[in-house]
Each structure stands twice: as C-alpha cells, then as structure tokens.
Amino acid sequence: MRAFTYQRASSAAEAAKVVYNNREAKFLAGGTNLIDLMKIEVETPTHLVDVNGLGLDEIAPTEEGGLRIGALVTNTACAADERVRRDYGVLTRAIVAGASGQLRNKATTGGNLLQRTRCPYFYDTNQACNKRKPGSGCAAIGGASRQLGIIGVSDKCIATYPGDMAVALRVLDAVVETVKPDGTTRAIPIAEFHRLWGDTPEIETALEPGEFITAVVLPEPLGGKHLYHKVRDRRSYAFALVSVAAVVQPDGTGRVAIGGIAPKPWRVESADAALPDVAAAARALTAGASPTEENKFKIALVERTLAGVMAEARS
C-alpha cells in the first residue's frame, strides 16, 4: 500500500469538491473494496476523504410512498430494516446473498454500487487490463473466463459487475441521488448508472468527476413475490456465475434482472413482457450474447435459474 493523506469531510458537497480538485483522491466509507485494492496497489489514491459521519446513514419514507436509503446505510442495516424486508424483500435477499456478515456490517449502500469488478486479471498488476491501465489490452480475452461476461462486453473488456444489491435495485427501478462538486444535485435511474464497457472500460458509472452518491431511492412497493437466486461455484463468500432478481405477481407476470453476466445488472423489457414464459424471457435476456468457450454455459444457466425462480414463485 502506498502512502496517502487523510481528511474527514464535514459535508457531502465538501467531499465532492475535494475529490474533484484532486483527481488522485478517493472517497472512503466502509472501505471493504477500496482498502483491499489499495493493499495490492490496483488503487493508489494519494488522498482519502472520509465521508462517514455526514448523516447519510438513515432510511426514511418518501412522499411518493417509497424509501430513501442513505448512502452510508450499511448493508446489514438495510437488509434488516422492517420496511425493506416487508415491501422490498428482493433487496434483503440480494444483500444477504453477498459477502459475509462482517463485511456487510461495514459495507455501505453507496460503496456497494461502486465496487470494482472481481476479474482476476484486473487484480493481477502483472497482467494486461484496459480497466486498470487503459490501452494495455485485456488478458481475460483468450484467458480464464469462466466467471466473466457474456453480454454487453466489448473487445476491450469482458469483466462483469460483481454485486448482488444492484441487481435487486435494478428490478425495483431504484434511483441514485448524488451531489456534484458545485453543490448541485441530480437523480440517476439505476438503469443508467452503470455503463457498458465499450472502448472505455475504465469508466464504470455515469458519475462525473467528484460526484458523490448521497442516497438510493426506492419507488412505492410493487407487491408480488420477491425472489433472489444466486448460482456460484461455492455456497458462501463467492460472486455469482448467474443471479436472478425477480418480482413475480400472482398471475405469473413480473420483472426480472440478471447478475453475473454483464458490466451492469442486466434487464430487458421484452423479457419482462414475456413472463411467465421462461424460455422466451431467457432468450430475450441473452439475445446478442458473445460468450467464450469457458463461459457459454451461462446462457443455459440463465434459463435454468430463471425457471427455478418462477417455480418458487408458484409454490
């Protein structure tokens, strides 16, 4: 780990301004991903801005009938909140499917959205990685790719977004609230928050330089049955090969988002419209896929996992 300086922010706007003015600065919240990356020098910030203690650790109702989850609400607190468990069960299920209890006690809502890919070539500084060092190439292409993406990827990067929480937020149509360095605010639909890699895989979200997440807003409850299935190589403390977040209504209609296959939580309107026809929905979700030999099994796994979710919804 390289040396860095440290300061504690007094407001979200101040934090955003500091990070904007120093492009080698990073926000520090729970630090569960950032600190690990600093230890292996994938991340090398020269300055950390501690954003804890800014009052962004509360969950409150909105006038529209939803919930506003502060950016510093821990994963544990969010998953355990009675309102989340009752009305947004898919979110609780997704959160507890990830990491470990100790990590969830520290990990925050905002930080979870910003976690970096777990592609092994991104973590290995001896390997070519366009995300870590733009223009250096992508060692994953032609390498070990079982865990990596099959859709929405590019010839510059085939990594996936690794999180669980965001997959549930995508199926719920959440909105990410932010503050910019000039103090202005904006709301970013979760569908637009994470980017496809394209030619610039080092740019992972729609956030502008210095822009800071302050909250995630959930719309009014959808009703229906909330489910989250995560398929992985080992039962605990592992990232998804394929995950399915779904909200299914009594008549079998609903909405579905997929994790583990793309640079962002993957949701397709035509797949939602196809439900309860699992095969048609799966075809819509994987249309245009470009898998490798090692991960082409994920196409069938999407359909099988979705079938399991729909069967549970009927039970």
C-alpha atoms as a PDB file:
ATOM      1  CA  MET A   1       0.000   0.000   0.000  1.00  0.00           C
ATOM      2  CA  ARG A   2       1.293   3.433  -0.910  1.00  0.00           C
ATOM      3  CA  ALA A   3       1.326   6.402   1.441  1.00  0.00           C
ATOM      4  CA  PHE A   4      -1.694   8.701   1.468  1.00  0.00           C
ATOM      5  CA  THR A   5      -3.041  11.722   3.294  1.00  0.00           C
ATOM      6  CA  TYR A   6      -6.403  11.749   5.035  1.00  0.00           C
ATOM      7  CA  GLN A   7      -9.186  14.156   5.915  1.00  0.00           C
ATOM      8  CA  ARG A   8     -12.682  13.865   7.334  1.00  0.00           C
ATOM      9  CA  ALA A   9     -15.337  15.677   5.284  1.00  0.00           C
ATOM     10  CA  SER A  10     -17.831  17.959   7.019  1.00  0.00           C
ATOM     11  CA  SER A  11     -20.454  17.753   4.265  1.00  0.00           C
ATOM     12  CA  ALA A  12     -21.230  15.803   1.118  1.00  0.00           C
ATOM     13  CA  ALA A  13     -20.676  18.892  -1.026  1.00  0.00           C
ATOM     14  CA  GLU A  14     -17.272  19.483   0.566  1.00  0.00           C
ATOM     15  CA  ALA A  15     -16.268  15.874  -0.048  1.00  0.00           C
ATOM     16  CA  ALA A  16     -17.292  16.132  -3.695  1.00  0.00           C
ATOM     17  CA  LYS A  17     -15.347  19.357  -4.148  1.00  0.00           C
ATOM     18  CA  VAL A  18     -12.171  17.956  -2.567  1.00  0.00           C
ATOM     19  CA  VAL A  19     -12.212  14.836  -4.736  1.00  0.00           C
ATOM     20  CA  TYR A  20     -12.953  16.906  -7.839  1.00  0.00           C
ATOM     21  CA  ASN A  21      -9.998  19.213  -7.169  1.00  0.00           C
ATOM     22  CA  ASN A  22      -7.638  16.298  -6.524  1.00  0.00           C
ATOM     23  CA  ARG A  23      -8.065  13.599  -9.147  1.00  0.00           C
ATOM     24  CA  GLU A  24      -5.876  11.256  -7.088  1.00  0.00           C
ATOM     25  CA  ALA A  25      -8.288  11.435  -4.132  1.00  0.00           C
ATOM     26  CA  LYS A  26     -10.942   8.837  -3.253  1.00  0.00           C
ATOM     27  CA  PHE A  27     -13.991   8.783  -1.004  1.00  0.00           C
ATOM     28  CA  LEU A  28     -13.668   6.451   1.985  1.00  0.00           C
ATOM     29  CA  ALA A  29     -16.815   4.955   3.529  1.00  0.00           C
ATOM     30  CA  GLY A  30     -16.762   1.302   4.628  1.00  0.00           C
ATOM     31  CA  GLY A  31     -13.612   0.684   2.594  1.00  0.00           C
ATOM     32  CA  THR A  32     -14.351  -3.005   2.112  1.00  0.00           C
ATOM     33  CA  ASN A  33     -13.340  -2.939  -1.570  1.00  0.00           C
ATOM     34  CA  LEU A  34     -11.130   0.156  -1.740  1.00  0.00           C
ATOM     35  CA  ILE A  35      -8.734  -0.861   1.040  1.00  0.00           C
ATOM     36  CA  ASP A  36      -8.260  -4.331  -0.453  1.00  0.00           C
ATOM     37  CA  LEU A  37      -7.372  -2.766  -3.800  1.00  0.00           C
ATOM     38  CA  MET A  38      -5.023  -0.291  -2.145  1.00  0.00           C
ATOM     39  CA  LYS A  39      -3.149  -3.155  -0.475  1.00  0.00           C
ATOM     40  CA  ILE A  40      -2.294  -4.693  -3.855  1.00  0.00           C
ATOM     41  CA  GLU A  41      -1.822  -1.267  -5.485  1.00  0.00           C
ATOM     42  CA  VAL A  42      -4.593  -1.624  -8.019  1.00  0.00           C
ATOM     43  CA  GLU A  43      -5.948   1.534  -6.430  1.00  0.00           C
ATOM     44  CA  THR A  44      -3.289   4.078  -5.477  1.00  0.00           C
ATOM     45  CA  PRO A  45      -5.017   7.224  -4.162  1.00  0.00           C
ATOM     46  CA  THR A  46      -2.756   9.849  -2.625  1.00  0.00           C
ATOM     47  CA  HIS A  47      -5.574  11.292  -0.503  1.00  0.00           C
ATOM     48  CA  LEU A  48      -8.618   9.753   1.209  1.00  0.00           C
ATOM     49  CA  VAL A  49     -11.727  11.742   2.089  1.00  0.00           C
ATOM     50  CA  ASP A  50     -13.628  10.080   4.941  1.00  0.00           C
ATOM     51  CA  VAL A  51     -17.362  10.574   4.367  1.00  0.00           C
ATOM     52  CA  ASN A  52     -18.562   8.783   7.480  1.00  0.00           C
ATOM     53  CA  GLY A  53     -20.493  10.902   9.947  1.00  0.00           C
ATOM     54  CA  LEU A  54     -22.327  13.002   7.351  1.00  0.00           C
ATOM     55  CA  GLY A  55     -25.817  11.938   8.467  1.00  0.00           C
ATOM     56  CA  LEU A  56     -26.379   9.770   5.402  1.00  0.00           C
ATOM     57  CA  ASP A  57     -26.988   6.619   7.418  1.00  0.00           C
ATOM     58  CA  GLU A  58     -30.780   6.710   7.734  1.00  0.00           C
ATOM     59  CA  ILE A  59     -33.683   5.068   5.906  1.00  0.00           C
ATOM     60  CA  ALA A  60     -36.712   7.333   5.575  1.00  0.00           C
ATOM     61  CA  PRO A  61     -40.070   7.223   3.751  1.00  0.00           C
ATOM     62  CA  THR A  62     -40.565   9.416   0.688  1.00  0.00           C
ATOM     63  CA  GLU A  63     -43.631  11.479  -0.153  1.00  0.00           C
ATOM     64  CA  GLU A  64     -44.226   9.170  -3.112  1.00  0.00           C
ATOM     65  CA  GLY A  65     -44.632   6.136  -0.873  1.00  0.00           C
ATOM     66  CA  GLY A  66     -41.164   4.659  -1.303  1.00  0.00           C
ATOM     67  CA  LEU A  67     -37.992   4.697   0.771  1.00  0.00           C
ATOM     68  CA  ARG A  68     -34.856   6.810   0.685  1.00  0.00           C
ATOM     69  CA  ILE A  69     -31.817   4.782   1.773  1.00  0.00           C
ATOM     70  CA  GLY A  70     -28.864   6.939   2.759  1.00  0.00           C
ATOM     71  CA  ALA A  71     -25.583   6.234   1.009  1.00  0.00           C
ATOM     72  CA  LEU A  72     -23.909   5.345   4.311  1.00  0.00           C
ATOM     73  CA  VAL A  73     -26.567   2.898   5.490  1.00  0.00           C
ATOM     74  CA  THR A  74     -24.711  -0.373   5.972  1.00  0.00           C
ATOM     75  CA  ASN A  75     -25.718  -3.464   4.064  1.00  0.00           C
ATOM     76  CA  THR A  76     -26.633  -5.121   7.361  1.00  0.00           C
ATOM     77  CA  ALA A  77     -28.903  -2.250   8.427  1.00  0.00           C
ATOM     78  CA  CYS A  78     -30.579  -2.063   5.020  1.00  0.00           C
ATOM     79  CA  ALA A  79     -31.267  -5.797   4.813  1.00  0.00           C
ATOM     80  CA  ALA A  80     -32.634  -5.894   8.375  1.00  0.00           C
ATOM     81  CA  ASP A  81     -34.901  -2.844   8.113  1.00  0.00           C
ATOM     82  CA  GLU A  82     -38.513  -3.902   8.694  1.00  0.00           C
ATOM     83  CA  ARG A  83     -39.825  -1.802   5.792  1.00  0.00           C
ATOM     84  CA  VAL A  84     -37.268  -3.217   3.376  1.00  0.00           C
ATOM     85  CA  ARG A  85     -37.972  -6.780   4.487  1.00  0.00           C
ATOM     86  CA  ARG A  86     -41.742  -6.273   4.143  1.00  0.00           C
ATOM     87  CA  ASP A  87     -42.025  -4.277   0.926  1.00  0.00           C
ATOM     88  CA  TYR A  88     -38.726  -4.832  -0.908  1.00  0.00           C
ATOM     89  CA  GLY A  89     -37.853  -8.396   0.012  1.00  0.00           C
ATOM     90  CA  VAL A  90     -35.775  -8.930  -3.124  1.00  0.00           C
ATOM     91  CA  LEU A  91     -33.344  -6.319  -1.819  1.00  0.00           C
ATOM     92  CA  THR A  92     -32.916  -8.033   1.540  1.00  0.00           C
ATOM     93  CA  ARG A  93     -32.435 -11.386  -0.167  1.00  0.00           C
ATOM     94  CA  ALA A  94     -29.838  -9.994  -2.564  1.00  0.00           C
ATOM     95  CA  ILE A  95     -27.838  -8.267   0.154  1.00  0.00           C
ATOM     96  CA  VAL A  96     -27.619 -11.292   2.442  1.00  0.00           C
ATOM     97  CA  ALA A  97     -26.531 -13.425  -0.527  1.00  0.00           C
ATOM     98  CA  GLY A  98     -23.354 -11.373  -0.772  1.00  0.00           C
ATOM     99  CA  ALA A  99     -20.082 -11.207   1.158  1.00  0.00           C
ATOM    100  CA  SER A 100     -20.032 -12.174   4.843  1.00  0.00           C
ATOM    101  CA  GLY A 101     -21.719 -10.840   7.947  1.00  0.00           C
ATOM    102  CA  GLN A 102     -18.593  -8.950   8.952  1.00  0.00           C
ATOM    103  CA  LEU A 103     -18.269  -7.260   5.571  1.00  0.00           C
ATOM    104  CA  ARG A 104     -21.971  -6.394   5.437  1.00  0.00           C
ATOM    105  CA  ASN A 105     -21.569  -4.668   8.806  1.00  0.00           C
ATOM    106  CA  LYS A 106     -19.079  -2.262   7.192  1.00  0.00           C
ATOM    107  CA  ALA A 107     -20.124  -2.100   3.535  1.00  0.00           C
ATOM    108  CA  THR A 108     -22.354   0.835   2.615  1.00  0.00           C
ATOM    109  CA  THR A 109     -25.154   1.346   0.129  1.00  0.00           C
ATOM    110  CA  GLY A 110     -23.177   3.856  -1.935  1.00  0.00           C
ATOM    111  CA  GLY A 111     -19.967   1.881  -1.824  1.00  0.00           C
ATOM    112  CA  ASN A 112     -21.730  -1.318  -2.850  1.00  0.00           C
ATOM    113  CA  LEU A 113     -22.864   0.344  -6.071  1.00  0.00           C
ATOM    114  CA  LEU A 114     -19.293   1.422  -6.798  1.00  0.00           C
ATOM    115  CA  GLN A 115     -17.475  -1.840  -6.131  1.00  0.00           C
ATOM    116  CA  ARG A 116     -14.982  -2.834  -8.797  1.00  0.00           C
ATOM    117  CA  THR A 117     -15.032  -5.969 -10.899  1.00  0.00           C
ATOM    118  CA  ARG A 118     -13.555  -9.174  -9.473  1.00  0.00           C
ATOM    119  CA  CYS A 119     -11.949 -10.167 -12.774  1.00  0.00           C
ATOM    120  CA  PRO A 120      -8.668 -11.890 -11.789  1.00  0.00           C
ATOM    121  CA  TYR A 121      -6.772 -10.031 -14.497  1.00  0.00           C
ATOM    122  CA  PHE A 122      -7.882  -6.701 -13.033  1.00  0.00           C
ATOM    123  CA  TYR A 123      -6.484  -7.765  -9.661  1.00  0.00           C
ATOM    124  CA  ASP A 124      -3.163  -9.010 -11.062  1.00  0.00           C
ATOM    125  CA  THR A 125      -0.980  -5.989 -11.800  1.00  0.00           C
ATOM    126  CA  ASN A 126       1.325  -8.156 -13.922  1.00  0.00           C
ATOM    127  CA  GLN A 127      -1.486  -8.779 -16.433  1.00  0.00           C
ATOM    128  CA  ALA A 128      -2.768  -6.533 -19.198  1.00  0.00           C
ATOM    129  CA  CYS A 129      -6.020  -4.820 -18.217  1.00  0.00           C
ATOM    130  CA  ASN A 130      -7.675  -1.936 -20.043  1.00  0.00           C
ATOM    131  CA  LYS A 131      -9.721  -1.165 -16.949  1.00  0.00           C
ATOM    132  CA  ARG A 132      -6.663  -0.787 -14.736  1.00  0.00           C
ATOM    133  CA  LYS A 133      -4.332   0.621 -17.416  1.00  0.00           C
ATOM    134  CA  PRO A 134      -6.238   1.888 -20.493  1.00  0.00           C
ATOM    135  CA  GLY A 135      -4.681   0.773 -23.758  1.00  0.00           C
ATOM    136  CA  SER A 136      -2.716  -2.121 -22.265  1.00  0.00           C
ATOM    137  CA  GLY A 137      -5.054  -4.823 -23.578  1.00  0.00           C
ATOM    138  CA  CYS A 138      -7.349  -7.391 -21.980  1.00  0.00           C
ATOM    139  CA  ALA A 139      -5.641 -10.571 -20.813  1.00  0.00           C
ATOM    140  CA  ALA A 140      -9.032 -12.084 -19.967  1.00  0.00           C
ATOM    141  CA  ILE A 141      -9.853 -12.351 -23.665  1.00  0.00           C
ATOM    142  CA  GLY A 142      -8.325 -15.687 -24.521  1.00  0.00           C
ATOM    143  CA  GLY A 143      -7.626 -16.362 -20.855  1.00  0.00           C
ATOM    144  CA  ALA A 144      -9.559 -17.878 -17.967  1.00  0.00           C
ATOM    145  CA  SER A 145     -13.065 -16.521 -18.426  1.00  0.00           C
ATOM    146  CA  ARG A 146     -15.469 -18.850 -16.593  1.00  0.00           C
ATOM    147  CA  GLN A 147     -16.553 -16.066 -14.218  1.00  0.00           C
ATOM    148  CA  LEU A 148     -16.660 -13.297 -16.811  1.00  0.00           C
ATOM    149  CA  GLY A 149     -19.240 -11.627 -19.040  1.00  0.00           C
ATOM    150  CA  ILE A 150     -21.259 -12.967 -21.945  1.00  0.00           C
ATOM    151  CA  ILE A 151     -23.297  -9.918 -22.936  1.00  0.00           C
ATOM    152  CA  GLY A 152     -22.759  -6.160 -23.045  1.00  0.00           C
ATOM    153  CA  VAL A 153     -18.996  -6.748 -23.141  1.00  0.00           C
ATOM    154  CA  SER A 154     -16.555  -5.472 -25.758  1.00  0.00           C
ATOM    155  CA  ASP A 155     -13.249  -6.272 -27.435  1.00  0.00           C
ATOM    156  CA  LYS A 156     -11.622  -4.097 -24.774  1.00  0.00           C
ATOM    157  CA  CYS A 157     -13.034  -5.812 -21.672  1.00  0.00           C
ATOM    158  CA  ILE A 158     -15.169  -8.837 -20.748  1.00  0.00           C
ATOM    159  CA  ALA A 159     -15.392  -8.226 -16.996  1.00  0.00           C
ATOM    160  CA  THR A 160     -18.694  -8.215 -15.111  1.00  0.00           C
ATOM    161  CA  TYR A 161     -20.195  -6.030 -12.431  1.00  0.00           C
ATOM    162  CA  PRO A 162     -19.925  -8.301  -9.369  1.00  0.00           C
ATOM    163  CA  GLY A 163     -22.530  -7.058  -6.887  1.00  0.00           C
ATOM    164  CA  ASP A 164     -25.842  -8.505  -5.731  1.00  0.00           C
ATOM    165  CA  MET A 165     -27.572  -5.446  -4.260  1.00  0.00           C
ATOM    166  CA  ALA A 166     -27.603  -3.533  -7.541  1.00  0.00           C
ATOM    167  CA  VAL A 167     -29.330  -6.425  -9.329  1.00  0.00           C
ATOM    168  CA  ALA A 168     -32.229  -6.110  -6.894  1.00  0.00           C
ATOM    169  CA  LEU A 169     -32.209  -2.314  -7.221  1.00  0.00           C
ATOM    170  CA  ARG A 170     -32.445  -2.715 -10.994  1.00  0.00           C
ATOM    171  CA  VAL A 171     -35.543  -4.899 -10.763  1.00  0.00           C
ATOM    172  CA  LEU A 172     -37.061  -2.331  -8.373  1.00  0.00           C
ATOM    173  CA  ASP A 173     -36.290   0.654 -10.669  1.00  0.00           C
ATOM    174  CA  ALA A 174     -34.372   2.486  -7.960  1.00  0.00           C
ATOM    175  CA  VAL A 175     -32.905   5.962  -8.429  1.00  0.00           C
ATOM    176  CA  VAL A 176     -29.441   7.073  -7.288  1.00  0.00           C
ATOM    177  CA  GLU A 177     -29.243  10.575  -5.808  1.00  0.00           C
ATOM    178  CA  THR A 178     -25.966  12.493  -5.948  1.00  0.00           C
ATOM    179  CA  VAL A 179     -24.319  15.812  -5.210  1.00  0.00           C
ATOM    180  CA  LYS A 180     -21.827  17.402  -7.582  1.00  0.00           C
ATOM    181  CA  PRO A 181     -18.720  19.418  -6.669  1.00  0.00           C
ATOM    182  CA  ASP A 182     -20.600  22.686  -7.320  1.00  0.00           C
ATOM    183  CA  GLY A 183     -23.285  21.681  -4.807  1.00  0.00           C
ATOM    184  CA  THR A 184     -25.984  20.884  -7.361  1.00  0.00           C
ATOM    185  CA  THR A 185     -27.800  17.566  -7.153  1.00  0.00           C
ATOM    186  CA  ARG A 186     -29.203  15.080  -9.613  1.00  0.00           C
ATOM    187  CA  ALA A 187     -31.086  11.780  -9.725  1.00  0.00           C
ATOM    188  CA  ILE A 188     -29.790   8.921 -11.906  1.00  0.00           C
ATOM    189  CA  PRO A 189     -32.073   5.975 -12.723  1.00  0.00           C
ATOM    190  CA  ILE A 190     -30.303   2.749 -11.759  1.00  0.00           C
ATOM    191  CA  ALA A 191     -30.739   1.576 -15.356  1.00  0.00           C
ATOM    192  CA  GLU A 192     -28.392   4.391 -16.433  1.00  0.00           C
ATOM    193  CA  PHE A 193     -25.970   4.288 -13.510  1.00  0.00           C
ATOM    194  CA  HIS A 194     -23.598   1.507 -14.603  1.00  0.00           C
ATOM    195  CA  ARG A 195     -22.098   1.745 -18.105  1.00  0.00           C
ATOM    196  CA  LEU A 196     -21.296  -0.833 -20.734  1.00  0.00           C
ATOM    197  CA  TRP A 197     -17.537  -1.057 -21.268  1.00  0.00           C
ATOM    198  CA  GLY A 198     -17.338  -0.096 -24.930  1.00  0.00           C
ATOM    199  CA  ASP A 199     -13.949   1.446 -25.719  1.00  0.00           C
ATOM    200  CA  THR A 200     -13.527   2.931 -22.224  1.00  0.00           C
ATOM    201  CA  PRO A 201     -13.841   0.129 -19.645  1.00  0.00           C
ATOM    202  CA  GLU A 202     -12.051   2.290 -17.085  1.00  0.00           C
ATOM    203  CA  ILE A 203     -15.217   4.444 -16.914  1.00  0.00           C
ATOM    204  CA  GLU A 204     -17.670   2.278 -14.997  1.00  0.00           C
ATOM    205  CA  THR A 205     -20.556   4.552 -13.996  1.00  0.00           C
ATOM    206  CA  ALA A 206     -22.421   7.667 -15.070  1.00  0.00           C
ATOM    207  CA  LEU A 207     -20.885   9.663 -12.205  1.00  0.00           C
ATOM    208  CA  GLU A 208     -18.950  12.774 -13.164  1.00  0.00           C
ATOM    209  CA  PRO A 209     -15.558  13.545 -11.571  1.00  0.00           C
ATOM    210  CA  GLY A 210     -16.068  14.254  -7.874  1.00  0.00           C
ATOM    211  CA  GLU A 211     -19.777  13.428  -7.927  1.00  0.00           C
ATOM    212  CA  PHE A 212     -20.835  11.780  -4.671  1.00  0.00           C
ATOM    213  CA  ILE A 213     -23.734   9.386  -4.005  1.00  0.00           C
ATOM    214  CA  THR A 214     -25.987  10.609  -1.184  1.00  0.00           C
ATOM    215  CA  ALA A 215     -28.910   8.147  -1.326  1.00  0.00           C
ATOM    216  CA  VAL A 216     -30.748   5.434  -3.209  1.00  0.00           C
ATOM    217  CA  VAL A 217     -34.498   5.957  -3.601  1.00  0.00           C
ATOM    218  CA  LEU A 218     -36.932   3.073  -3.960  1.00  0.00           C
ATOM    219  CA  PRO A 219     -40.318   3.700  -5.608  1.00  0.00           C
ATOM    220  CA  GLU A 220     -43.558   2.652  -3.970  1.00  0.00           C
ATOM    221  CA  PRO A 221     -43.784  -1.110  -3.350  1.00  0.00           C
ATOM    222  CA  LEU A 222     -44.572  -3.379  -6.283  1.00  0.00           C
ATOM    223  CA  GLY A 223     -46.340  -6.104  -4.337  1.00  0.00           C
ATOM    224  CA  GLY A 224     -45.955  -9.633  -5.649  1.00  0.00           C
ATOM    225  CA  LYS A 225     -43.457 -12.252  -4.569  1.00  0.00           C
ATOM    226  CA  HIS A 226     -39.819 -11.170  -4.243  1.00  0.00           C
ATOM    227  CA  LEU A 227     -37.063 -13.676  -5.021  1.00  0.00           C
ATOM    228  CA  TYR A 228     -33.309 -13.746  -5.487  1.00  0.00           C
ATOM    229  CA  HIS A 229     -31.408 -16.827  -6.631  1.00  0.00           C
ATOM    230  CA  LYS A 230     -27.606 -16.795  -6.838  1.00  0.00           C
ATOM    231  CA  VAL A 231     -25.652 -19.569  -8.558  1.00  0.00           C
ATOM    232  CA  ARG A 232     -21.941 -19.686  -7.670  1.00  0.00           C
ATOM    233  CA  ASP A 233     -19.020 -22.077  -7.545  1.00  0.00           C
ATOM    234  CA  ARG A 234     -19.165 -22.344  -3.772  1.00  0.00           C
ATOM    235  CA  ARG A 235     -22.035 -21.743  -1.398  1.00  0.00           C
ATOM    236  CA  SER A 236     -20.718 -18.766   0.551  1.00  0.00           C
ATOM    237  CA  TYR A 237     -18.439 -15.777   0.049  1.00  0.00           C
ATOM    238  CA  ALA A 238     -18.393 -16.134  -3.725  1.00  0.00           C
ATOM    239  CA  PHE A 239     -19.553 -13.977  -6.602  1.00  0.00           C
ATOM    240  CA  ALA A 240     -22.343 -15.010  -8.925  1.00  0.00           C
ATOM    241  CA  LEU A 241     -21.899 -17.004 -12.077  1.00  0.00           C
ATOM    242  CA  VAL A 242     -25.547 -16.083 -12.665  1.00  0.00           C
ATOM    243  CA  SER A 243     -28.024 -14.454 -10.316  1.00  0.00           C
ATOM    244  CA  VAL A 244     -31.707 -13.699 -10.827  1.00  0.00           C
ATOM    245  CA  ALA A 245     -33.683 -10.994  -9.030  1.00  0.00           C
ATOM    246  CA  ALA A 246     -37.413 -11.167  -9.679  1.00  0.00           C
ATOM    247  CA  VAL A 247     -40.699  -9.719  -8.552  1.00  0.00           C
ATOM    248  CA  VAL A 248     -43.498 -12.042  -9.664  1.00  0.00           C
ATOM    249  CA  GLN A 249     -47.209 -11.251  -9.455  1.00  0.00           C
ATOM    250  CA  PRO A 250     -49.881 -13.894  -8.709  1.00  0.00           C
ATOM    251  CA  ASP A 251     -50.696 -14.291 -12.424  1.00  0.00           C
ATOM    252  CA  GLY A 252     -47.054 -15.079 -13.257  1.00  0.00           C
ATOM    253  CA  THR A 253     -46.250 -11.723 -14.815  1.00  0.00           C
ATOM    254  CA  GLY A 254     -43.468  -9.639 -13.354  1.00  0.00           C
ATOM    255  CA  ARG A 255     -39.987  -8.305 -13.878  1.00  0.00           C
ATOM    256  CA  VAL A 256     -36.531  -9.836 -13.765  1.00  0.00           C
ATOM    257  CA  ALA A 257     -32.903  -8.703 -13.687  1.00  0.00           C
ATOM    258  CA  ILE A 258     -29.784 -10.831 -14.087  1.00  0.00           C
ATOM    259  CA  GLY A 259     -26.398 -10.535 -12.408  1.00  0.00           C
ATOM    260  CA  GLY A 260     -23.061 -12.150 -13.181  1.00  0.00           C
ATOM    261  CA  ILE A 261     -23.267 -11.903 -16.970  1.00  0.00           C
ATOM    262  CA  ALA A 262     -22.665  -8.268 -17.935  1.00  0.00           C
ATOM    263  CA  PRO A 263     -20.966  -4.981 -16.987  1.00  0.00           C
ATOM    264  CA  LYS A 264     -24.186  -3.955 -15.250  1.00  0.00           C
ATOM    265  CA  PRO A 265     -27.290  -5.616 -13.801  1.00  0.00           C
ATOM    266  CA  TRP A 266     -28.994  -6.923 -16.942  1.00  0.00           C
ATOM    267  CA  ARG A 267     -32.669  -6.237 -17.526  1.00  0.00           C
ATOM    268  CA  VAL A 268     -34.558  -6.316 -20.836  1.00  0.00           C
ATOM    269  CA  GLU A 269     -38.113  -5.008 -21.259  1.00  0.00           C
ATOM    270  CA  SER A 270     -39.056  -7.765 -23.688  1.00  0.00           C
ATOM    271  CA  ALA A 271     -38.021 -10.359 -21.112  1.00  0.00           C
ATOM    272  CA  ASP A 272     -40.346  -8.807 -18.540  1.00  0.00           C
ATOM    273  CA  ALA A 273     -43.121  -8.799 -21.125  1.00  0.00           C
ATOM    274  CA  ALA A 274     -42.515 -12.485 -21.910  1.00  0.00           C
ATOM    275  CA  LEU A 275     -43.086 -13.700 -18.354  1.00  0.00           C
ATOM    276  CA  PRO A 276     -44.321 -16.222 -17.290  1.00  0.00           C
ATOM    277  CA  ASP A 277     -42.825 -17.870 -20.404  1.00  0.00           C
ATOM    278  CA  VAL A 278     -39.380 -18.738 -19.030  1.00  0.00           C
ATOM    279  CA  ALA A 279     -37.838 -19.845 -22.313  1.00  0.00           C
ATOM    280  CA  ALA A 280     -38.933 -16.698 -24.137  1.00  0.00           C
ATOM    281  CA  ALA A 281     -37.760 -14.465 -21.304  1.00  0.00           C
ATOM    282  CA  ALA A 282     -34.374 -16.197 -21.201  1.00  0.00           C
ATOM    283  CA  ARG A 283     -33.955 -15.829 -24.956  1.00  0.00           C
ATOM    284  CA  ALA A 284     -34.656 -12.116 -24.651  1.00  0.00           C
ATOM    285  CA  LEU A 285     -32.188 -11.752 -21.783  1.00  0.00           C
ATOM    286  CA  THR A 286     -29.345 -13.463 -23.651  1.00  0.00           C
ATOM    287  CA  ALA A 287     -30.043 -12.190 -27.170  1.00  0.00           C
ATOM    288  CA  GLY A 288     -26.810 -10.960 -28.705  1.00  0.00           C
ATOM    289  CA  ALA A 289     -24.609 -12.787 -26.211  1.00  0.00           C
ATOM    290  CA  SER A 290     -20.980 -13.327 -27.199  1.00  0.00           C
ATOM    291  CA  PRO A 291     -19.642 -15.867 -24.689  1.00  0.00           C
ATOM    292  CA  THR A 292     -16.270 -17.572 -24.640  1.00  0.00           C
ATOM    293  CA  GLU A 293     -15.864 -21.335 -24.740  1.00  0.00           C
ATOM    294  CA  GLU A 294     -15.362 -21.298 -20.958  1.00  0.00           C
ATOM    295  CA  ASN A 295     -18.499 -19.340 -20.072  1.00  0.00           C
ATOM    296  CA  LYS A 296     -21.013 -20.228 -22.769  1.00  0.00           C
ATOM    297  CA  PHE A 297     -22.714 -22.421 -20.160  1.00  0.00           C
ATOM    298  CA  LYS A 298     -24.096 -19.213 -18.675  1.00  0.00           C
ATOM    299  CA  ILE A 299     -26.662 -18.913 -21.489  1.00  0.00           C
ATOM    300  CA  ALA A 300     -28.352 -22.147 -20.399  1.00  0.00           C
ATOM    301  CA  LEU A 301     -27.771 -21.288 -16.739  1.00  0.00           C
ATOM    302  CA  VAL A 302     -29.770 -18.069 -17.092  1.00  0.00           C
ATOM    303  CA  GLU A 303     -32.788 -20.058 -18.266  1.00  0.00           C
ATOM    304  CA  ARG A 304     -32.387 -22.750 -15.608  1.00  0.00           C
ATOM    305  CA  THR A 305     -32.005 -20.233 -12.790  1.00  0.00           C
ATOM    306  CA  LEU A 306     -34.975 -18.221 -14.004  1.00  0.00           C
ATOM    307  CA  ALA A 307     -37.024 -21.428 -14.207  1.00  0.00           C
ATOM    308  CA  GLY A 308     -36.151 -22.155 -10.590  1.00  0.00           C
ATOM    309  CA  VAL A 309     -37.208 -18.680  -9.533  1.00  0.00           C
ATOM    310  CA  MET A 310     -40.535 -18.953 -11.352  1.00  0.00           C
ATOM    311  CA  ALA A 311     -41.176 -22.378  -9.852  1.00  0.00           C
ATOM    312  CA  GLU A 312     -40.574 -20.976  -6.383  1.00  0.00           C
ATOM    313  CA  ALA A 313     -42.900 -18.064  -7.142  1.00  0.00           C
ATOM    314  CA  ARG A 314     -45.688 -20.552  -7.904  1.00  0.00           C
ATOM    315  CA  SER A 315     -45.125 -22.556  -4.735  1.00  0.00           C
END
